[in-house]
Amino acid sequence: MLCSLSVRQILIDSTKQQGCNLHDRGTIMVIEGPRFSTKAESFMFQSFGASLIGMTAVPEVTHSLTSN
């Protein structure tokens, strides 16, 4: 989880107080970019439970972190 449940709830409440639309649940699948996922990949990610597919434009950062 990105942040504690109390911080998460504060963010949710603050967003709702501002009248903004909010999706407070979901799973993001992040792929290396710059590229779009194929239809087959999108269906596969959805079958994994992904609600949203995003991409990172900095694959060198993720590679450098995992190479240590």
PDB file of N, CA and C in Angstrom:
ATOM      1  N   MET A   1       0.846  -1.164   0.000  1.00  0.00           N
ATOM      2  CA  MET A   1       0.000   0.000   0.000  1.00  0.00           C
ATOM      3  C   MET A   1       0.895   1.231   0.000  1.00  0.00           C
ATOM      4  N   LEU A   2       0.501   2.221  -0.750  1.00  0.00           N
ATOM      5  CA  LEU A   2       1.289   3.428  -0.918  1.00  0.00           C
ATOM      6  C   LEU A   2       1.379   4.257   0.359  1.00  0.00           C
ATOM      7  N   CYS A   3       0.307   4.328   1.122  1.00  0.00           N
ATOM      8  CA  CYS A   3       0.319   5.126   2.347  1.00  0.00           C
ATOM      9  C   CYS A   3      -0.543   4.438   3.402  1.00  0.00           C
ATOM     10  N   SER A   4      -0.447   4.926   4.631  1.00  0.00           N
ATOM     11  CA  SER A   4      -1.214   4.316   5.711  1.00  0.00           C
ATOM     12  C   SER A   4      -2.708   4.510   5.478  1.00  0.00           C
ATOM     13  N   LEU A   5      -3.502   3.681   6.125  1.00  0.00           N
ATOM     14  CA  LEU A   5      -4.953   3.774   5.958  1.00  0.00           C
ATOM     15  C   LEU A   5      -5.487   5.113   6.451  1.00  0.00           C
ATOM     16  N   SER A   6      -4.899   5.670   7.507  1.00  0.00           N
ATOM     17  CA  SER A   6      -5.383   6.963   8.010  1.00  0.00           C
ATOM     18  C   SER A   6      -5.076   8.090   7.018  1.00  0.00           C
ATOM     19  N   VAL A   7      -3.893   8.085   6.428  1.00  0.00           N
ATOM     20  CA  VAL A   7      -3.554   9.095   5.424  1.00  0.00           C
ATOM     21  C   VAL A   7      -4.440   8.918   4.203  1.00  0.00           C
ATOM     22  N   ARG A   8      -4.658   7.684   3.808  1.00  0.00           N
ATOM     23  CA  ARG A   8      -5.532   7.398   2.664  1.00  0.00           C
ATOM     24  C   ARG A   8      -6.929   7.952   2.911  1.00  0.00           C
ATOM     25  N   GLN A   9      -7.460   7.755   4.119  1.00  0.00           N
ATOM     26  CA  GLN A   9      -8.809   8.234   4.429  1.00  0.00           C
ATOM     27  C   GLN A   9      -8.861   9.760   4.431  1.00  0.00           C
ATOM     28  N   ILE A  10      -7.817  10.405   4.924  1.00  0.00           N
ATOM     29  CA  ILE A  10      -7.759  11.875   4.900  1.00  0.00           C
ATOM     30  C   ILE A  10      -7.789  12.371   3.457  1.00  0.00           C
ATOM     31  N   LEU A  11      -7.025  11.721   2.578  1.00  0.00           N
ATOM     32  CA  LEU A  11      -7.010  12.112   1.163  1.00  0.00           C
ATOM     33  C   LEU A  11      -8.376  11.914   0.512  1.00  0.00           C
ATOM     34  N   ILE A  12      -9.025  10.802   0.821  1.00  0.00           N
ATOM     35  CA  ILE A  12     -10.360  10.529   0.267  1.00  0.00           C
ATOM     36  C   ILE A  12     -11.353  11.570   0.747  1.00  0.00           C
ATOM     37  N   ASP A  13     -11.363  11.827   2.051  1.00  0.00           N
ATOM     38  CA  ASP A  13     -12.303  12.803   2.617  1.00  0.00           C
ATOM     39  C   ASP A  13     -12.068  14.201   2.057  1.00  0.00           C
ATOM     40  N   SER A  14     -10.811  14.609   1.951  1.00  0.00           N
ATOM     41  CA  SER A  14     -10.482  15.936   1.421  1.00  0.00           C
ATOM     42  C   SER A  14     -10.927  16.086  -0.025  1.00  0.00           C
ATOM     43  N   THR A  15     -10.717  15.038  -0.808  1.00  0.00           N
ATOM     44  CA  THR A  15     -11.120  15.073  -2.210  1.00  0.00           C
ATOM     45  C   THR A  15     -12.633  15.190  -2.337  1.00  0.00           C
ATOM     46  N   LYS A  16     -13.358  14.422  -1.533  1.00  0.00           N
ATOM     47  CA  LYS A  16     -14.824  14.489  -1.572  1.00  0.00           C
ATOM     48  C   LYS A  16     -15.330  15.853  -1.125  1.00  0.00           C
ATOM     49  N   GLN A  17     -14.681  16.458  -0.120  1.00  0.00           N
ATOM     50  CA  GLN A  17     -15.082  17.779   0.366  1.00  0.00           C
ATOM     51  C   GLN A  17     -14.925  18.840  -0.718  1.00  0.00           C
ATOM     52  N   GLN A  18     -13.973  18.652  -1.605  1.00  0.00           N
ATOM     53  CA  GLN A  18     -13.757  19.584  -2.709  1.00  0.00           C
ATOM     54  C   GLN A  18     -14.745  19.376  -3.844  1.00  0.00           C
ATOM     55  N   GLY A  19     -15.567  18.335  -3.740  1.00  0.00           N
ATOM     56  CA  GLY A  19     -16.561  18.062  -4.769  1.00  0.00           C
ATOM     57  C   GLY A  19     -16.007  17.359  -5.997  1.00  0.00           C
ATOM     58  N   CYS A  20     -14.836  16.789  -5.870  1.00  0.00           N
ATOM     59  CA  CYS A  20     -14.216  16.092  -7.003  1.00  0.00           C
ATOM     60  C   CYS A  20     -14.715  14.653  -7.083  1.00  0.00           C
ATOM     61  N   ASN A  21     -14.765  14.128  -8.297  1.00  0.00           N
ATOM     62  CA  ASN A  21     -15.071  12.714  -8.478  1.00  0.00           C
ATOM     63  C   ASN A  21     -13.879  11.895  -8.002  1.00  0.00           C
ATOM     64  N   LEU A  22     -14.167  10.762  -7.398  1.00  0.00           N
ATOM     65  CA  LEU A  22     -13.108   9.964  -6.807  1.00  0.00           C
ATOM     66  C   LEU A  22     -13.423   8.487  -6.960  1.00  0.00           C
ATOM     67  N   HIS A  23     -12.441   7.741  -7.377  1.00  0.00           N
ATOM     68  CA  HIS A  23     -12.507   6.284  -7.369  1.00  0.00           C
ATOM     69  C   HIS A  23     -11.568   5.845  -6.265  1.00  0.00           C
ATOM     70  N   ASP A  24     -12.119   5.385  -5.163  1.00  0.00           N
ATOM     71  CA  ASP A  24     -11.267   5.098  -4.004  1.00  0.00           C
ATOM     72  C   ASP A  24     -10.772   3.660  -3.947  1.00  0.00           C
ATOM     73  N   ARG A  25     -11.009   2.905  -5.002  1.00  0.00           N
ATOM     74  CA  ARG A  25     -10.502   1.538  -5.056  1.00  0.00           C
ATOM     75  C   ARG A  25     -10.081   1.224  -6.485  1.00  0.00           C
ATOM     76  N   GLY A  26      -9.143   0.305  -6.603  1.00  0.00           N
ATOM     77  CA  GLY A  26      -8.724  -0.117  -7.930  1.00  0.00           C
ATOM     78  C   GLY A  26      -7.275  -0.573  -7.913  1.00  0.00           C
ATOM     79  N   THR A  27      -6.886  -1.180  -9.005  1.00  0.00           N
ATOM     80  CA  THR A  27      -5.520  -1.668  -9.159  1.00  0.00           C
ATOM     81  C   THR A  27      -4.976  -1.151 -10.473  1.00  0.00           C
ATOM     82  N   ILE A  28      -3.781  -0.574 -10.420  1.00  0.00           N
ATOM     83  CA  ILE A  28      -3.157  -0.076 -11.653  1.00  0.00           C
ATOM     84  C   ILE A  28      -2.067  -1.058 -12.091  1.00  0.00           C
ATOM     85  N   MET A  29      -2.052  -1.354 -13.363  1.00  0.00           N
ATOM     86  CA  MET A  29      -1.001  -2.171 -13.971  1.00  0.00           C
ATOM     87  C   MET A  29      -0.110  -1.193 -14.732  1.00  0.00           C
ATOM     88  N   VAL A  30       1.171  -1.163 -14.400  1.00  0.00           N
ATOM     89  CA  VAL A  30       2.099  -0.236 -15.048  1.00  0.00           C
ATOM     90  C   VAL A  30       3.022  -1.034 -15.965  1.00  0.00           C
ATOM     91  N   ILE A  31       3.074  -0.599 -17.224  1.00  0.00           N
ATOM     92  CA  ILE A  31       3.945  -1.244 -18.206  1.00  0.00           C
ATOM     93  C   ILE A  31       5.047  -0.265 -18.606  1.00  0.00           C
ATOM     94  N   GLU A  32       6.111  -0.799 -19.172  1.00  0.00           N
ATOM     95  CA  GLU A  32       7.194   0.062 -19.638  1.00  0.00           C
ATOM     96  C   GLU A  32       6.758   0.790 -20.893  1.00  0.00           C
ATOM     97  N   GLY A  33       7.113   2.040 -20.984  1.00  0.00           N
ATOM     98  CA  GLY A  33       6.779   2.843 -22.145  1.00  0.00           C
ATOM     99  C   GLY A  33       8.058   3.332 -22.801  1.00  0.00           C
ATOM    100  N   PRO A  34       7.961   4.155 -23.754  1.00  0.00           N
ATOM    101  CA  PRO A  34       6.693   4.662 -24.255  1.00  0.00           C
ATOM    102  C   PRO A  34       6.079   3.724 -25.290  1.00  0.00           C
ATOM    103  N   ARG A  35       4.951   3.165 -24.946  1.00  0.00           N
ATOM    104  CA  ARG A  35       4.172   2.327 -25.861  1.00  0.00           C
ATOM    105  C   ARG A  35       2.802   2.084 -25.245  1.00  0.00           C
ATOM    106  N   PHE A  36       1.876   1.697 -26.064  1.00  0.00           N
ATOM    107  CA  PHE A  36       0.552   1.330 -25.587  1.00  0.00           C
ATOM    108  C   PHE A  36       0.469  -0.187 -25.518  1.00  0.00           C
ATOM    109  N   SER A  37      -0.375  -0.685 -24.634  1.00  0.00           N
ATOM    110  CA  SER A  37      -0.574  -2.133 -24.573  1.00  0.00           C
ATOM    111  C   SER A  37      -1.412  -2.575 -25.766  1.00  0.00           C
ATOM    112  N   THR A  38      -1.191  -3.799 -26.198  1.00  0.00           N
ATOM    113  CA  THR A  38      -2.029  -4.358 -27.261  1.00  0.00           C
ATOM    114  C   THR A  38      -3.389  -4.709 -26.667  1.00  0.00           C
ATOM    115  N   LYS A  39      -4.353  -4.973 -27.528  1.00  0.00           N
ATOM    116  CA  LYS A  39      -5.676  -5.394 -27.048  1.00  0.00           C
ATOM    117  C   LYS A  39      -5.570  -6.661 -26.217  1.00  0.00           C
ATOM    118  N   ALA A  40      -4.741  -7.604 -26.690  1.00  0.00           N
ATOM    119  CA  ALA A  40      -4.571  -8.870 -25.971  1.00  0.00           C
ATOM    120  C   ALA A  40      -3.962  -8.628 -24.586  1.00  0.00           C
ATOM    121  N   GLU A  41      -2.960  -7.743 -24.519  1.00  0.00           N
ATOM    122  CA  GLU A  41      -2.360  -7.425 -23.225  1.00  0.00           C
ATOM    123  C   GLU A  41      -3.371  -6.758 -22.300  1.00  0.00           C
ATOM    124  N   SER A  42      -4.149  -5.841 -22.841  1.00  0.00           N
ATOM    125  CA  SER A  42      -5.164  -5.162 -22.038  1.00  0.00           C
ATOM    126  C   SER A  42      -6.170  -6.155 -21.464  1.00  0.00           C
ATOM    127  N   PHE A  43      -6.616  -7.098 -22.277  1.00  0.00           N
ATOM    128  CA  PHE A  43      -7.540  -8.127 -21.790  1.00  0.00           C
ATOM    129  C   PHE A  43      -6.870  -8.998 -20.722  1.00  0.00           C
ATOM    130  N   MET A  44      -5.587  -9.312 -20.934  1.00  0.00           N
ATOM    131  CA  MET A  44      -4.856 -10.119 -19.962  1.00  0.00           C
ATOM    132  C   MET A  44      -4.725  -9.360 -18.634  1.00  0.00           C
ATOM    133  N   PHE A  45      -4.348  -8.077 -18.704  1.00  0.00           N
ATOM    134  CA  PHE A  45      -4.209  -7.286 -17.484  1.00  0.00           C
ATOM    135  C   PHE A  45      -5.545  -7.175 -16.757  1.00  0.00           C
ATOM    136  N   GLN A  46      -6.623  -7.028 -17.528  1.00  0.00           N
ATOM    137  CA  GLN A  46      -7.953  -6.974 -16.927  1.00  0.00           C
ATOM    138  C   GLN A  46      -8.275  -8.294 -16.230  1.00  0.00           C
ATOM    139  N   SER A  47      -7.861  -9.417 -16.828  1.00  0.00           N
ATOM    140  CA  SER A  47      -8.110 -10.716 -16.203  1.00  0.00           C
ATOM    141  C   SER A  47      -7.301 -10.877 -14.916  1.00  0.00           C
ATOM    142  N   PHE A  48      -6.187 -10.117 -14.800  1.00  0.00           N
ATOM    143  CA  PHE A  48      -5.395 -10.115 -13.571  1.00  0.00           C
ATOM    144  C   PHE A  48      -6.039  -9.253 -12.487  1.00  0.00           C
ATOM    145  N   GLY A  49      -7.071  -8.478 -12.859  1.00  0.00           N
ATOM    146  CA  GLY A  49      -7.742  -7.616 -11.894  1.00  0.00           C
ATOM    147  C   GLY A  49      -7.382  -6.149 -12.010  1.00  0.00           C
ATOM    148  N   ALA A  50      -6.661  -5.770 -13.064  1.00  0.00           N
ATOM    149  CA  ALA A  50      -6.274  -4.371 -13.233  1.00  0.00           C
ATOM    150  C   ALA A  50      -7.482  -3.516 -13.602  1.00  0.00           C
ATOM    151  N   SER A  51      -7.617  -2.380 -12.922  1.00  0.00           N
ATOM    152  CA  SER A  51      -8.681  -1.429 -13.215  1.00  0.00           C
ATOM    153  C   SER A  51      -8.206  -0.362 -14.195  1.00  0.00           C
ATOM    154  N   LEU A  52      -6.906  -0.139 -14.217  1.00  0.00           N
ATOM    155  CA  LEU A  52      -6.317   0.929 -15.004  1.00  0.00           C
ATOM    156  C   LEU A  52      -4.957   0.465 -15.500  1.00  0.00           C
ATOM    157  N   ILE A  53      -4.623   0.816 -16.740  1.00  0.00           N
ATOM    158  CA  ILE A  53      -3.307   0.483 -17.288  1.00  0.00           C
ATOM    159  C   ILE A  53      -2.572   1.790 -17.536  1.00  0.00           C
ATOM    160  N   GLY A  54      -1.385   1.901 -16.975  1.00  0.00           N
ATOM    161  CA  GLY A  54      -0.564   3.086 -17.167  1.00  0.00           C
ATOM    162  C   GLY A  54       0.793   2.668 -17.693  1.00  0.00           C
ATOM    163  N   MET A  55       1.605   3.661 -18.016  1.00  0.00           N
ATOM    164  CA  MET A  55       2.939   3.316 -18.472  1.00  0.00           C
ATOM    165  C   MET A  55       3.948   4.258 -17.856  1.00  0.00           C
ATOM    166  N   THR A  56       5.154   3.765 -17.712  1.00  0.00           N
ATOM    167  CA  THR A  56       6.245   4.584 -17.233  1.00  0.00           C
ATOM    168  C   THR A  56       7.121   4.956 -18.417  1.00  0.00           C
ATOM    169  N   ALA A  57       7.566   6.184 -18.426  1.00  0.00           N
ATOM    170  CA  ALA A  57       8.456   6.637 -19.495  1.00  0.00           C
ATOM    171  C   ALA A  57       9.902   6.623 -19.029  1.00  0.00           C
ATOM    172  N   VAL A  58      10.146   6.026 -17.868  1.00  0.00           N
ATOM    173  CA  VAL A  58      11.507   6.006 -17.331  1.00  0.00           C
ATOM    174  C   VAL A  58      11.943   4.582 -17.002  1.00  0.00           C
ATOM    175  N   PRO A  59      11.948   3.676 -17.985  1.00  0.00           N
ATOM    176  CA  PRO A  59      12.332   2.293 -17.700  1.00  0.00           C
ATOM    177  C   PRO A  59      13.766   2.174 -17.183  1.00  0.00           C
ATOM    178  N   GLU A  60      14.637   3.130 -17.552  1.00  0.00           N
ATOM    179  CA  GLU A  60      16.017   3.050 -17.073  1.00  0.00           C
ATOM    180  C   GLU A  60      16.088   3.181 -15.557  1.00  0.00           C
ATOM    181  N   VAL A  61      15.155   3.907 -14.962  1.00  0.00           N
ATOM    182  CA  VAL A  61      15.136   4.037 -13.506  1.00  0.00           C
ATOM    183  C   VAL A  61      14.757   2.714 -12.865  1.00  0.00           C
ATOM    184  N   THR A  62      13.726   2.059 -13.380  1.00  0.00           N
ATOM    185  CA  THR A  62      13.322   0.775 -12.801  1.00  0.00           C
ATOM    186  C   THR A  62      14.401  -0.276 -13.008  1.00  0.00           C
ATOM    187  N   HIS A  63      15.056  -0.256 -14.161  1.00  0.00           N
ATOM    188  CA  HIS A  63      16.130  -1.214 -14.417  1.00  0.00           C
ATOM    189  C   HIS A  63      17.308  -0.976 -13.484  1.00  0.00           C
ATOM    190  N   SER A  64      17.646   0.278 -13.251  1.00  0.00           N
ATOM    191  CA  SER A  64      18.784   0.567 -12.386  1.00  0.00           C
ATOM    192  C   SER A  64      18.491   0.165 -10.949  1.00  0.00           C
ATOM    193  N   LEU A  65      17.251   0.312 -10.514  1.00  0.00           N
ATOM    194  CA  LEU A  65      16.894  -0.072  -9.150  1.00  0.00           C
ATOM    195  C   LEU A  65      16.931  -1.575  -8.954  1.00  0.00           C
ATOM    196  N   THR A  66      16.587  -2.333  -9.984  1.00  0.00           N
ATOM    197  CA  THR A  66      16.551  -3.793  -9.837  1.00  0.00           C
ATOM    198  C   THR A  66      17.900  -4.437 -10.115  1.00  0.00           C
ATOM    199  N   SER A  67      18.846  -3.683 -10.644  1.00  0.00           N
ATOM    200  CA  SER A  67      20.150  -4.265 -10.986  1.00  0.00           C
ATOM    201  C   SER A  67      21.106  -4.314  -9.806  1.00  0.00           C
ATOM    202  N   ASN A  68      20.761  -3.663  -8.718  1.00  0.00           N
ATOM    203  CA  ASN A  68      21.675  -3.628  -7.553  1.00  0.00           C
ATOM    204  C   ASN A  68      21.624  -4.883  -6.759  1.00  0.00           C
TER     205      ASN A  68
END
